[in-house]
Amino acid sequence: MKKDTIALTVLVILAVGFLSLVLVLMKSPMWIAFPAIFGGLGLVCYGIDDLIVKFKNRGHEEREA
């Protein structure tokens, strides 16, 4: 992973953690589901990004051949 990706991942994790803390302090039942939903969304986004990179790399290989 690049340093930018690692830094962005850490910042997103901190943001989700702090928002979960706010939801806990507000005594909202969403504090349990929010991190799980956000984590799932992150996995979906990284999966889509990985697929896009694979298709781009495949396109470059076909052009070079």
C-alpha atoms as a PDB file:
ATOM      1  CA  MET A   1       0.000   0.000   0.000  1.00  0.00           C
ATOM      2  CA  LYS A   2       1.112   3.513  -0.653  1.00  0.00           C
ATOM      3  CA  LYS A   3       1.693   5.900   2.222  1.00  0.00           C
ATOM      4  CA  ASP A   4      -1.243   8.034   1.051  1.00  0.00           C
ATOM      5  CA  THR A   5      -3.590   5.053   1.167  1.00  0.00           C
ATOM      6  CA  ILE A   6      -2.395   4.073   4.626  1.00  0.00           C
ATOM      7  CA  ALA A   7      -2.801   7.624   5.932  1.00  0.00           C
ATOM      8  CA  LEU A   8      -6.287   7.904   4.443  1.00  0.00           C
ATOM      9  CA  THR A   9      -7.288   4.551   5.939  1.00  0.00           C
ATOM     10  CA  VAL A  10      -6.069   5.596   9.388  1.00  0.00           C
ATOM     11  CA  LEU A  11      -7.926   8.921   9.180  1.00  0.00           C
ATOM     12  CA  VAL A  12     -11.159   7.205   8.134  1.00  0.00           C
ATOM     13  CA  ILE A  13     -10.855   4.695  10.986  1.00  0.00           C
ATOM     14  CA  LEU A  14     -10.315   7.531  13.468  1.00  0.00           C
ATOM     15  CA  ALA A  15     -13.273   9.472  12.060  1.00  0.00           C
ATOM     16  CA  VAL A  16     -15.565   6.448  12.326  1.00  0.00           C
ATOM     17  CA  GLY A  17     -14.325   5.772  15.848  1.00  0.00           C
ATOM     18  CA  PHE A  18     -14.959   9.344  16.992  1.00  0.00           C
ATOM     19  CA  LEU A  19     -18.410   9.399  15.392  1.00  0.00           C
ATOM     20  CA  SER A  20     -19.214   6.111  17.126  1.00  0.00           C
ATOM     21  CA  LEU A  21     -18.096   7.662  20.407  1.00  0.00           C
ATOM     22  CA  VAL A  22     -20.424  10.611  19.816  1.00  0.00           C
ATOM     23  CA  LEU A  23     -23.284   8.202  19.111  1.00  0.00           C
ATOM     24  CA  VAL A  24     -22.498   6.325  22.350  1.00  0.00           C
ATOM     25  CA  LEU A  25     -22.500   9.556  24.328  1.00  0.00           C
ATOM     26  CA  MET A  26     -25.847  10.470  22.750  1.00  0.00           C
ATOM     27  CA  LYS A  27     -27.116   7.036  23.887  1.00  0.00           C
ATOM     28  CA  SER A  28     -28.088   6.190  20.335  1.00  0.00           C
ATOM     29  CA  PRO A  29     -28.524   2.518  19.408  1.00  0.00           C
ATOM     30  CA  MET A  30     -26.812   3.281  16.073  1.00  0.00           C
ATOM     31  CA  TRP A  31     -23.354   3.170  17.693  1.00  0.00           C
ATOM     32  CA  ILE A  32     -23.340  -0.623  17.333  1.00  0.00           C
ATOM     33  CA  ALA A  33     -24.346  -0.798  13.666  1.00  0.00           C
ATOM     34  CA  PHE A  34     -22.576   2.307  12.358  1.00  0.00           C
ATOM     35  CA  PRO A  35     -18.961   1.016  12.396  1.00  0.00           C
ATOM     36  CA  ALA A  36     -20.005  -2.331  10.900  1.00  0.00           C
ATOM     37  CA  ILE A  37     -21.970  -0.688   8.082  1.00  0.00           C
ATOM     38  CA  PHE A  38     -19.181   1.799   7.383  1.00  0.00           C
ATOM     39  CA  GLY A  39     -16.597  -1.008   7.388  1.00  0.00           C
ATOM     40  CA  GLY A  40     -18.692  -2.980   4.915  1.00  0.00           C
ATOM     41  CA  LEU A  41     -18.968   0.063   2.684  1.00  0.00           C
ATOM     42  CA  GLY A  42     -15.190   0.472   2.829  1.00  0.00           C
ATOM     43  CA  LEU A  43     -14.653  -3.154   1.813  1.00  0.00           C
ATOM     44  CA  VAL A  44     -17.018  -2.729  -1.128  1.00  0.00           C
ATOM     45  CA  CYS A  45     -15.214   0.444  -2.250  1.00  0.00           C
ATOM     46  CA  TYR A  46     -11.768  -1.187  -2.013  1.00  0.00           C
ATOM     47  CA  GLY A  47     -13.093  -4.210  -3.919  1.00  0.00           C
ATOM     48  CA  ILE A  48     -14.446  -2.020  -6.717  1.00  0.00           C
ATOM     49  CA  ASP A  49     -11.184  -0.070  -6.830  1.00  0.00           C
ATOM     50  CA  ASP A  50      -9.226  -3.330  -7.084  1.00  0.00           C
ATOM     51  CA  LEU A  51     -11.419  -4.498  -9.978  1.00  0.00           C
ATOM     52  CA  ILE A  52     -10.917  -1.198 -11.815  1.00  0.00           C
ATOM     53  CA  VAL A  53      -7.139  -1.472 -11.409  1.00  0.00           C
ATOM     54  CA  LYS A  54      -7.188  -5.068 -12.710  1.00  0.00           C
ATOM     55  CA  PHE A  55      -9.209  -4.077 -15.787  1.00  0.00           C
ATOM     56  CA  LYS A  56      -6.888  -1.133 -16.493  1.00  0.00           C
ATOM     57  CA  ASN A  57      -3.824  -3.370 -16.188  1.00  0.00           C
ATOM     58  CA  ARG A  58      -5.414  -5.960 -18.468  1.00  0.00           C
ATOM     59  CA  GLY A  59      -6.128  -3.235 -21.046  1.00  0.00           C
ATOM     60  CA  HIS A  60      -2.508  -2.050 -20.951  1.00  0.00           C
ATOM     61  CA  GLU A  61      -1.234  -5.618 -21.403  1.00  0.00           C
ATOM     62  CA  GLU A  62      -3.490  -6.169 -24.435  1.00  0.00           C
ATOM     63  CA  ARG A  63      -2.271  -2.974 -26.091  1.00  0.00           C
ATOM     64  CA  GLU A  64       1.380  -3.913 -25.554  1.00  0.00           C
ATOM     65  CA  ALA A  65       0.941  -7.419 -27.021  1.00  0.00           C
END
